[in-house]
Amino acid sequence: MSIHDAPPNTPPTYTTHNHLPQPPPTHTSHNHNLHPQVSDEALIQLLQLGFSHKEATRALRFNEGDVQRAAAFCVETRQQQAARREQEREHRVKRRKQMQ
């Protein structure tokens, strides 16, 4: 039976080098566990605290939906980013002084 002889709405099967039917390949890019859903209620709580949608969603996913841990994660991430920007600024100032 070829793929053209299969009944309609039948998922295709794939063969390997030994010609045994195999299930269709799975792609991890379609794995919904990579981006678990976050509850609307938890998201709203973080948005009301002033975090962006992207920050809140990421924090909730990293912290399994725990709002308190997600809020702490957001604050910590912002502090790390601010420290990194300050270090970069200091580095630029130092380089300018060396060039003069």
PDB file of N, CA and C in Angstrom:
ATOM      1  N   MET A   1       0.860  -1.181   0.000  1.00  0.00           N
ATOM      2  CA  MET A   1       0.000   0.000   0.000  1.00  0.00           C
ATOM      3  C   MET A   1       0.900   1.236   0.000  1.00  0.00           C
ATOM      4  N   SER A   2       0.661   2.127  -0.907  1.00  0.00           N
ATOM      5  CA  SER A   2       1.420   3.374  -0.937  1.00  0.00           C
ATOM      6  C   SER A   2       0.654   4.434  -0.176  1.00  0.00           C
ATOM      7  N   ILE A   3       1.280   5.573   0.005  1.00  0.00           N
ATOM      8  CA  ILE A   3       0.627   6.675   0.714  1.00  0.00           C
ATOM      9  C   ILE A   3      -0.610   7.135  -0.040  1.00  0.00           C
ATOM     10  N   HIS A   4      -0.610   6.926  -1.348  1.00  0.00           N
ATOM     11  CA  HIS A   4      -1.757   7.343  -2.159  1.00  0.00           C
ATOM     12  C   HIS A   4      -2.934   6.387  -2.004  1.00  0.00           C
ATOM     13  N   ASP A   5      -2.692   5.146  -1.540  1.00  0.00           N
ATOM     14  CA  ASP A   5      -3.753   4.160  -1.356  1.00  0.00           C
ATOM     15  C   ASP A   5      -4.380   4.229   0.033  1.00  0.00           C
ATOM     16  N   ALA A   6      -3.803   5.030   0.914  1.00  0.00           N
ATOM     17  CA  ALA A   6      -4.287   5.090   2.288  1.00  0.00           C
ATOM     18  C   ALA A   6      -5.653   5.757   2.335  1.00  0.00           C
ATOM     19  N   PRO A   7      -6.508   5.326   3.275  1.00  0.00           N
ATOM     20  CA  PRO A   7      -7.810   5.973   3.423  1.00  0.00           C
ATOM     21  C   PRO A   7      -7.639   7.452   3.789  1.00  0.00           C
ATOM     22  N   PRO A   8      -8.613   8.291   3.445  1.00  0.00           N
ATOM     23  CA  PRO A   8      -8.506   9.717   3.799  1.00  0.00           C
ATOM     24  C   PRO A   8      -8.391   9.903   5.313  1.00  0.00           C
ATOM     25  N   ASN A   9      -7.729  10.977   5.703  1.00  0.00           N
ATOM     26  CA  ASN A   9      -7.538  11.355   7.114  1.00  0.00           C
ATOM     27  C   ASN A   9      -6.692  10.351   7.887  1.00  0.00           C
ATOM     28  N   THR A  10      -5.927   9.538   7.208  1.00  0.00           N
ATOM     29  CA  THR A  10      -5.018   8.607   7.866  1.00  0.00           C
ATOM     30  C   THR A  10      -3.654   9.271   7.953  1.00  0.00           C
ATOM     31  N   PRO A  11      -3.075   9.369   9.162  1.00  0.00           N
ATOM     32  CA  PRO A  11      -1.762  10.004   9.264  1.00  0.00           C
ATOM     33  C   PRO A  11      -0.723   9.172   8.526  1.00  0.00           C
ATOM     34  N   PRO A  12       0.212   9.825   7.878  1.00  0.00           N
ATOM     35  CA  PRO A  12       1.219   9.071   7.136  1.00  0.00           C
ATOM     36  C   PRO A  12       2.140   8.321   8.091  1.00  0.00           C
ATOM     37  N   THR A  13       2.667   7.211   7.613  1.00  0.00           N
ATOM     38  CA  THR A  13       3.699   6.503   8.345  1.00  0.00           C
ATOM     39  C   THR A  13       4.982   6.634   7.544  1.00  0.00           C
ATOM     40  N   TYR A  14       6.076   6.529   8.206  1.00  0.00           N
ATOM     41  CA  TYR A  14       7.369   6.683   7.570  1.00  0.00           C
ATOM     42  C   TYR A  14       8.128   5.378   7.710  1.00  0.00           C
ATOM     43  N   THR A  15       8.961   5.083   6.745  1.00  0.00           N
ATOM     44  CA  THR A  15       9.727   3.854   6.819  1.00  0.00           C
ATOM     45  C   THR A  15      11.191   4.176   7.048  1.00  0.00           C
ATOM     46  N   THR A  16      11.862   3.261   7.680  1.00  0.00           N
ATOM     47  CA  THR A  16      13.293   3.400   7.915  1.00  0.00           C
ATOM     48  C   THR A  16      14.022   2.483   6.952  1.00  0.00           C
ATOM     49  N   HIS A  17      15.308   2.369   7.123  1.00  0.00           N
ATOM     50  CA  HIS A  17      16.102   1.532   6.232  1.00  0.00           C
ATOM     51  C   HIS A  17      15.654   0.067   6.239  1.00  0.00           C
ATOM     52  N   ASN A  18      15.011  -0.390   7.312  1.00  0.00           N
ATOM     53  CA  ASN A  18      14.548  -1.784   7.338  1.00  0.00           C
ATOM     54  C   ASN A  18      13.099  -1.907   6.860  1.00  0.00           C
ATOM     55  N   HIS A  19      12.512  -0.825   6.383  1.00  0.00           N
ATOM     56  CA  HIS A  19      11.184  -0.778   5.766  1.00  0.00           C
ATOM     57  C   HIS A  19      10.045  -1.138   6.712  1.00  0.00           C
ATOM     58  N   LEU A  20      10.262  -1.045   7.999  1.00  0.00           N
ATOM     59  CA  LEU A  20       9.172  -1.240   8.938  1.00  0.00           C
ATOM     60  C   LEU A  20       8.485   0.093   9.163  1.00  0.00           C
ATOM     61  N   PRO A  21       7.166   0.110   9.231  1.00  0.00           N
ATOM     62  CA  PRO A  21       6.473   1.383   9.465  1.00  0.00           C
ATOM     63  C   PRO A  21       6.907   2.000  10.795  1.00  0.00           C
ATOM     64  N   GLN A  22       7.076   3.292  10.785  1.00  0.00           N
ATOM     65  CA  GLN A  22       7.472   4.036  11.975  1.00  0.00           C
ATOM     66  C   GLN A  22       6.484   5.181  12.180  1.00  0.00           C
ATOM     67  N   PRO A  23       6.299   5.625  13.418  1.00  0.00           N
ATOM     68  CA  PRO A  23       5.428   6.778  13.641  1.00  0.00           C
ATOM     69  C   PRO A  23       6.065   8.025  13.041  1.00  0.00           C
ATOM     70  N   PRO A  24       5.261   9.053  12.766  1.00  0.00           N
ATOM     71  CA  PRO A  24       5.818  10.296  12.244  1.00  0.00           C
ATOM     72  C   PRO A  24       6.829  10.872  13.224  1.00  0.00           C
ATOM     73  N   PRO A  25       7.837  11.576  12.717  1.00  0.00           N
ATOM     74  CA  PRO A  25       8.826  12.172  13.619  1.00  0.00           C
ATOM     75  C   PRO A  25       8.182  13.232  14.496  1.00  0.00           C
ATOM     76  N   THR A  26       8.699  13.343  15.704  1.00  0.00           N
ATOM     77  CA  THR A  26       8.223  14.395  16.596  1.00  0.00           C
ATOM     78  C   THR A  26       9.228  15.535  16.572  1.00  0.00           C
ATOM     79  N   HIS A  27       8.737  16.723  16.723  1.00  0.00           N
ATOM     80  CA  HIS A  27       9.584  17.909  16.707  1.00  0.00           C
ATOM     81  C   HIS A  27       9.460  18.606  18.050  1.00  0.00           C
ATOM     82  N   THR A  28      10.583  18.830  18.706  1.00  0.00           N
ATOM     83  CA  THR A  28      10.537  19.468  20.025  1.00  0.00           C
ATOM     84  C   THR A  28      10.053  20.903  19.936  1.00  0.00           C
ATOM     85  N   SER A  29      10.145  21.515  18.756  1.00  0.00           N
ATOM     86  CA  SER A  29       9.682  22.896  18.643  1.00  0.00           C
ATOM     87  C   SER A  29       8.174  22.995  18.839  1.00  0.00           C
ATOM     88  N   HIS A  30       7.464  21.873  18.714  1.00  0.00           N
ATOM     89  CA  HIS A  30       6.028  21.883  18.917  1.00  0.00           C
ATOM     90  C   HIS A  30       5.642  21.333  20.281  1.00  0.00           C
ATOM     91  N   ASN A  31       6.612  21.098  21.134  1.00  0.00           N
ATOM     92  CA  ASN A  31       6.354  20.557  22.458  1.00  0.00           C
ATOM     93  C   ASN A  31       5.794  21.662  23.348  1.00  0.00           C
ATOM     94  N   HIS A  32       4.556  21.500  23.779  1.00  0.00           N
ATOM     95  CA  HIS A  32       3.904  22.543  24.574  1.00  0.00           C
ATOM     96  C   HIS A  32       4.477  22.652  25.980  1.00  0.00           C
ATOM     97  N   ASN A  33       5.228  21.645  26.439  1.00  0.00           N
ATOM     98  CA  ASN A  33       5.833  21.710  27.762  1.00  0.00           C
ATOM     99  C   ASN A  33       6.987  22.700  27.821  1.00  0.00           C
ATOM    100  N   LEU A  34       7.501  23.099  26.665  1.00  0.00           N
ATOM    101  CA  LEU A  34       8.581  24.082  26.658  1.00  0.00           C
ATOM    102  C   LEU A  34       8.092  25.444  27.114  1.00  0.00           C
ATOM    103  N   HIS A  35       6.832  25.738  26.854  1.00  0.00           N
ATOM    104  CA  HIS A  35       6.240  27.018  27.235  1.00  0.00           C
ATOM    105  C   HIS A  35       4.913  26.761  27.943  1.00  0.00           C
ATOM    106  N   PRO A  36       4.991  26.335  29.209  1.00  0.00           N
ATOM    107  CA  PRO A  36       3.745  26.049  29.915  1.00  0.00           C
ATOM    108  C   PRO A  36       2.870  27.289  30.043  1.00  0.00           C
ATOM    109  N   GLN A  37       1.606  27.057  30.089  1.00  0.00           N
ATOM    110  CA  GLN A  37       0.654  28.150  30.231  1.00  0.00           C
ATOM    111  C   GLN A  37       0.783  28.789  31.607  1.00  0.00           C
ATOM    112  N   VAL A  38       0.536  30.079  31.668  1.00  0.00           N
ATOM    113  CA  VAL A  38       0.509  30.776  32.951  1.00  0.00           C
ATOM    114  C   VAL A  38      -0.923  31.222  33.190  1.00  0.00           C
ATOM    115  N   SER A  39      -1.318  31.256  34.448  1.00  0.00           N
ATOM    116  CA  SER A  39      -2.700  31.638  34.747  1.00  0.00           C
ATOM    117  C   SER A  39      -2.876  33.135  34.534  1.00  0.00           C
ATOM    118  N   ASP A  40      -4.052  33.491  34.053  1.00  0.00           N
ATOM    119  CA  ASP A  40      -4.364  34.906  33.827  1.00  0.00           C
ATOM    120  C   ASP A  40      -4.303  35.682  35.142  1.00  0.00           C
ATOM    121  N   GLU A  41      -4.785  35.063  36.206  1.00  0.00           N
ATOM    122  CA  GLU A  41      -4.799  35.722  37.516  1.00  0.00           C
ATOM    123  C   GLU A  41      -3.381  36.054  37.988  1.00  0.00           C
ATOM    124  N   ALA A  42      -2.483  35.090  37.850  1.00  0.00           N
ATOM    125  CA  ALA A  42      -1.096  35.314  38.266  1.00  0.00           C
ATOM    126  C   ALA A  42      -0.451  36.387  37.398  1.00  0.00           C
ATOM    127  N   LEU A  43      -0.717  36.335  36.107  1.00  0.00           N
ATOM    128  CA  LEU A  43      -0.163  37.324  35.187  1.00  0.00           C
ATOM    129  C   LEU A  43      -0.657  38.723  35.534  1.00  0.00           C
ATOM    130  N   ILE A  44      -1.933  38.858  35.801  1.00  0.00           N
ATOM    131  CA  ILE A  44      -2.515  40.166  36.155  1.00  0.00           C
ATOM    132  C   ILE A  44      -1.878  40.703  37.433  1.00  0.00           C
ATOM    133  N   GLN A  45      -1.648  39.829  38.405  1.00  0.00           N
ATOM    134  CA  GLN A  45      -1.027  40.279  39.657  1.00  0.00           C
ATOM    135  C   GLN A  45       0.350  40.884  39.395  1.00  0.00           C
ATOM    136  N   LEU A  46       1.139  40.244  38.545  1.00  0.00           N
ATOM    137  CA  LEU A  46       2.476  40.773  38.249  1.00  0.00           C
ATOM    138  C   LEU A  46       2.407  42.039  37.402  1.00  0.00           C
ATOM    139  N   LEU A  47       1.448  42.097  36.488  1.00  0.00           N
ATOM    140  CA  LEU A  47       1.282  43.310  35.682  1.00  0.00           C
ATOM    141  C   LEU A  47       0.895  44.493  36.577  1.00  0.00           C
ATOM    142  N   GLN A  48       0.064  44.233  37.576  1.00  0.00           N
ATOM    143  CA  GLN A  48      -0.339  45.287  38.506  1.00  0.00           C
ATOM    144  C   GLN A  48       0.826  45.766  39.371  1.00  0.00           C
ATOM    145  N   LEU A  49       1.838  44.917  39.523  1.00  0.00           N
ATOM    146  CA  LEU A  49       3.036  45.318  40.268  1.00  0.00           C
ATOM    147  C   LEU A  49       3.990  46.145  39.399  1.00  0.00           C
ATOM    148  N   GLY A  50       3.654  46.294  38.118  1.00  0.00           N
ATOM    149  CA  GLY A  50       4.454  47.133  37.243  1.00  0.00           C
ATOM    150  C   GLY A  50       5.415  46.400  36.325  1.00  0.00           C
ATOM    151  N   PHE A  51       5.351  45.080  36.297  1.00  0.00           N
ATOM    152  CA  PHE A  51       6.224  44.323  35.416  1.00  0.00           C
ATOM    153  C   PHE A  51       5.589  44.230  34.034  1.00  0.00           C
ATOM    154  N   SER A  52       6.426  44.153  33.015  1.00  0.00           N
ATOM    155  CA  SER A  52       5.917  44.034  31.651  1.00  0.00           C
ATOM    156  C   SER A  52       5.319  42.646  31.450  1.00  0.00           C
ATOM    157  N   HIS A  53       4.538  42.514  30.405  1.00  0.00           N
ATOM    158  CA  HIS A  53       3.928  41.227  30.079  1.00  0.00           C
ATOM    159  C   HIS A  53       5.015  40.178  29.848  1.00  0.00           C
ATOM    160  N   LYS A  54       6.069  40.565  29.123  1.00  0.00           N
ATOM    161  CA  LYS A  54       7.159  39.636  28.826  1.00  0.00           C
ATOM    162  C   LYS A  54       7.880  39.209  30.108  1.00  0.00           C
ATOM    163  N   GLU A  55       8.183  40.179  30.981  1.00  0.00           N
ATOM    164  CA  GLU A  55       8.851  39.859  32.256  1.00  0.00           C
ATOM    165  C   GLU A  55       7.996  38.911  33.094  1.00  0.00           C
ATOM    166  N   ALA A  56       6.717  39.253  33.209  1.00  0.00           N
ATOM    167  CA  ALA A  56       5.812  38.483  34.062  1.00  0.00           C
ATOM    168  C   ALA A  56       5.635  37.061  33.542  1.00  0.00           C
ATOM    169  N   THR A  57       5.426  36.927  32.247  1.00  0.00           N
ATOM    170  CA  THR A  57       5.229  35.601  31.660  1.00  0.00           C
ATOM    171  C   THR A  57       6.464  34.740  31.852  1.00  0.00           C
ATOM    172  N   ARG A  58       7.620  35.308  31.568  1.00  0.00           N
ATOM    173  CA  ARG A  58       8.879  34.563  31.711  1.00  0.00           C
ATOM    174  C   ARG A  58       9.090  34.145  33.165  1.00  0.00           C
ATOM    175  N   ALA A  59       8.865  35.072  34.088  1.00  0.00           N
ATOM    176  CA  ALA A  59       9.073  34.782  35.502  1.00  0.00           C
ATOM    177  C   ALA A  59       8.126  33.691  36.000  1.00  0.00           C
ATOM    178  N   LEU A  60       6.876  33.757  35.564  1.00  0.00           N
ATOM    179  CA  LEU A  60       5.910  32.731  35.986  1.00  0.00           C
ATOM    180  C   LEU A  60       6.294  31.361  35.434  1.00  0.00           C
ATOM    181  N   ARG A  61       6.769  31.325  34.221  1.00  0.00           N
ATOM    182  CA  ARG A  61       7.178  30.039  33.637  1.00  0.00           C
ATOM    183  C   ARG A  61       8.393  29.480  34.363  1.00  0.00           C
ATOM    184  N   PHE A  62       9.351  30.354  34.686  1.00  0.00           N
ATOM    185  CA  PHE A  62      10.556  29.906  35.378  1.00  0.00           C
ATOM    186  C   PHE A  62      10.249  29.454  36.795  1.00  0.00           C
ATOM    187  N   ASN A  63       9.184  29.977  37.364  1.00  0.00           N
ATOM    188  CA  ASN A  63       8.873  29.704  38.767  1.00  0.00           C
ATOM    189  C   ASN A  63       7.577  28.925  38.946  1.00  0.00           C
ATOM    190  N   GLU A  64       7.218  28.168  37.924  1.00  0.00           N
ATOM    191  CA  GLU A  64       6.078  27.243  37.982  1.00  0.00           C
ATOM    192  C   GLU A  64       4.792  27.897  38.460  1.00  0.00           C
ATOM    193  N   GLY A  65       4.568  29.159  38.061  1.00  0.00           N
ATOM    194  CA  GLY A  65       3.319  29.844  38.374  1.00  0.00           C
ATOM    195  C   GLY A  65       3.248  30.465  39.749  1.00  0.00           C
ATOM    196  N   ASP A  66       4.286  30.352  40.561  1.00  0.00           N
ATOM    197  CA  ASP A  66       4.292  30.926  41.909  1.00  0.00           C
ATOM    198  C   ASP A  66       4.495  32.437  41.801  1.00  0.00           C
ATOM    199  N   VAL A  67       3.473  33.204  42.167  1.00  0.00           N
ATOM    200  CA  VAL A  67       3.493  34.659  41.980  1.00  0.00           C
ATOM    201  C   VAL A  67       4.573  35.323  42.829  1.00  0.00           C
ATOM    202  N   GLN A  68       4.720  34.913  44.075  1.00  0.00           N
ATOM    203  CA  GLN A  68       5.721  35.544  44.945  1.00  0.00           C
ATOM    204  C   GLN A  68       7.132  35.290  44.429  1.00  0.00           C
ATOM    205  N   ARG A  69       7.414  34.057  44.057  1.00  0.00           N
ATOM    206  CA  ARG A  69       8.751  33.751  43.523  1.00  0.00           C
ATOM    207  C   ARG A  69       8.968  34.450  42.187  1.00  0.00           C
ATOM    208  N   ALA A  70       7.915  34.545  41.381  1.00  0.00           N
ATOM    209  CA  ALA A  70       8.027  35.217  40.084  1.00  0.00           C
ATOM    210  C   ALA A  70       8.306  36.704  40.268  1.00  0.00           C
ATOM    211  N   ALA A  71       7.652  37.327  41.244  1.00  0.00           N
ATOM    212  CA  ALA A  71       7.897  38.754  41.515  1.00  0.00           C
ATOM    213  C   ALA A  71       9.341  38.965  41.965  1.00  0.00           C
ATOM    214  N   ALA A  72       9.813  38.099  42.851  1.00  0.00           N
ATOM    215  CA  ALA A  72      11.205  38.198  43.309  1.00  0.00           C
ATOM    216  C   ALA A  72      12.165  37.985  42.135  1.00  0.00           C
ATOM    217  N   PHE A  73      11.830  37.058  41.254  1.00  0.00           N
ATOM    218  CA  PHE A  73      12.634  36.793  40.066  1.00  0.00           C
ATOM    219  C   PHE A  73      12.713  38.037  39.184  1.00  0.00           C
ATOM    220  N   CYS A  74      11.581  38.715  38.999  1.00  0.00           N
ATOM    221  CA  CYS A  74      11.551  39.942  38.189  1.00  0.00           C
ATOM    222  C   CYS A  74      12.438  41.023  38.800  1.00  0.00           C
ATOM    223  N   VAL A  75      12.313  41.218  40.092  1.00  0.00           N
ATOM    224  CA  VAL A  75      13.117  42.234  40.777  1.00  0.00           C
ATOM    225  C   VAL A  75      14.599  41.900  40.649  1.00  0.00           C
ATOM    226  N   GLU A  76      14.937  40.649  40.899  1.00  0.00           N
ATOM    227  CA  GLU A  76      16.334  40.218  40.823  1.00  0.00           C
ATOM    228  C   GLU A  76      16.882  40.380  39.400  1.00  0.00           C
ATOM    229  N   THR A  77      16.080  40.030  38.414  1.00  0.00           N
ATOM    230  CA  THR A  77      16.498  40.166  37.016  1.00  0.00           C
ATOM    231  C   THR A  77      16.740  41.627  36.677  1.00  0.00           C
ATOM    232  N   ARG A  78      15.846  42.504  37.125  1.00  0.00           N
ATOM    233  CA  ARG A  78      16.031  43.941  36.871  1.00  0.00           C
ATOM    234  C   ARG A  78      17.305  44.461  37.542  1.00  0.00           C
ATOM    235  N   GLN A  79      17.565  44.010  38.757  1.00  0.00           N
ATOM    236  CA  GLN A  79      18.776  44.438  39.461  1.00  0.00           C
ATOM    237  C   GLN A  79      20.026  43.968  38.732  1.00  0.00           C
ATOM    238  N   GLN A  80      20.004  42.740  38.254  1.00  0.00           N
ATOM    239  CA  GLN A  80      21.148  42.207  37.504  1.00  0.00           C
ATOM    240  C   GLN A  80      21.359  42.987  36.210  1.00  0.00           C
ATOM    241  N   GLN A  81      20.282  43.320  35.534  1.00  0.00           N
ATOM    242  CA  GLN A  81      20.387  44.086  34.297  1.00  0.00           C
ATOM    243  C   GLN A  81      20.926  45.484  34.571  1.00  0.00           C
ATOM    244  N   ALA A  82      20.471  46.112  35.647  1.00  0.00           N
ATOM    245  CA  ALA A  82      20.951  47.446  36.001  1.00  0.00           C
ATOM    246  C   ALA A  82      22.439  47.404  36.340  1.00  0.00           C
ATOM    247  N   ALA A  83      22.856  46.390  37.080  1.00  0.00           N
ATOM    248  CA  ALA A  83      24.267  46.249  37.432  1.00  0.00           C
ATOM    249  C   ALA A  83      25.115  46.036  36.178  1.00  0.00           C
ATOM    250  N   ARG A  84      24.614  45.237  35.260  1.00  0.00           N
ATOM    251  CA  ARG A  84      25.330  44.981  34.005  1.00  0.00           C
ATOM    252  C   ARG A  84      25.450  46.271  33.188  1.00  0.00           C
ATOM    253  N   ARG A  85      24.367  47.045  33.109  1.00  0.00           N
ATOM    254  CA  ARG A  85      24.425  48.324  32.381  1.00  0.00           C
ATOM    255  C   ARG A  85      25.409  49.286  33.020  1.00  0.00           C
ATOM    256  N   GLU A  86      25.448  49.312  34.349  1.00  0.00           N
ATOM    257  CA  GLU A  86      26.383  50.196  35.063  1.00  0.00           C
ATOM    258  C   GLU A  86      27.823  49.778  34.788  1.00  0.00           C
ATOM    259  N   GLN A  87      28.085  48.485  34.795  1.00  0.00           N
ATOM    260  CA  GLN A  87      29.438  48.002  34.491  1.00  0.00           C
ATOM    261  C   GLN A  87      29.839  48.373  33.067  1.00  0.00           C
ATOM    262  N   GLU A  88      28.911  48.233  32.135  1.00  0.00           N
ATOM    263  CA  GLU A  88      29.189  48.591  30.740  1.00  0.00           C
ATOM    264  C   GLU A  88      29.459  50.084  30.612  1.00  0.00           C
ATOM    265  N   ARG A  89      28.690  50.898  31.335  1.00  0.00           N
ATOM    266  CA  ARG A  89      28.888  52.353  31.309  1.00  0.00           C
ATOM    267  C   ARG A  89      30.267  52.710  31.860  1.00  0.00           C
ATOM    268  N   GLU A  90      30.616  52.104  32.993  1.00  0.00           N
ATOM    269  CA  GLU A  90      31.928  52.361  33.591  1.00  0.00           C
ATOM    270  C   GLU A  90      33.056  51.943  32.651  1.00  0.00           C
ATOM    271  N   HIS A  91      32.862  50.842  31.972  1.00  0.00           N
ATOM    272  CA  HIS A  91      33.868  50.358  31.027  1.00  0.00           C
ATOM    273  C   HIS A  91      34.028  51.350  29.865  1.00  0.00           C
ATOM    274  N   ARG A  92      32.918  51.881  29.364  1.00  0.00           N
ATOM    275  CA  ARG A  92      32.994  52.871  28.276  1.00  0.00           C
ATOM    276  C   ARG A  92      33.700  54.139  28.726  1.00  0.00           C
ATOM    277  N   VAL A  93      33.395  54.603  29.936  1.00  0.00           N
ATOM    278  CA  VAL A  93      34.041  55.808  30.466  1.00  0.00           C
ATOM    279  C   VAL A  93      35.543  55.572  30.604  1.00  0.00           C
ATOM    280  N   LYS A  94      35.914  54.430  31.121  1.00  0.00           N
ATOM    281  CA  LYS A  94      37.325  54.085  31.299  1.00  0.00           C
ATOM    282  C   LYS A  94      38.045  54.043  29.954  1.00  0.00           C
ATOM    283  N   ARG A  95      37.412  53.467  28.949  1.00  0.00           N
ATOM    284  CA  ARG A  95      38.027  53.398  27.615  1.00  0.00           C
ATOM    285  C   ARG A  95      38.201  54.791  27.017  1.00  0.00           C
ATOM    286  N   ARG A  96      37.209  55.662  27.214  1.00  0.00           N
ATOM    287  CA  ARG A  96      37.333  57.027  26.696  1.00  0.00           C
ATOM    288  C   ARG A  96      38.505  57.752  27.326  1.00  0.00           C
ATOM    289  N   LYS A  97      38.669  57.559  28.634  1.00  0.00           N
ATOM    290  CA  LYS A  97      39.772  58.208  29.329  1.00  0.00           C
ATOM    291  C   LYS A  97      41.114  57.692  28.825  1.00  0.00           C
ATOM    292  N   GLN A  98      41.186  56.394  28.532  1.00  0.00           N
ATOM    293  CA  GLN A  98      42.430  55.812  28.024  1.00  0.00           C
ATOM    294  C   GLN A  98      42.749  56.337  26.625  1.00  0.00           C
ATOM    295  N   MET A  99      41.741  56.654  25.868  1.00  0.00           N
ATOM    296  CA  MET A  99      41.947  57.125  24.494  1.00  0.00           C
ATOM    297  C   MET A  99      42.421  58.573  24.450  1.00  0.00           C
ATOM    298  N   GLN A 100      42.173  59.302  25.516  1.00  0.00           N
ATOM    299  CA  GLN A 100      42.540  60.721  25.518  1.00  0.00           C
ATOM    300  C   GLN A 100      44.001  60.933  25.800  1.00  0.00           C
TER     301      GLN A 100
END
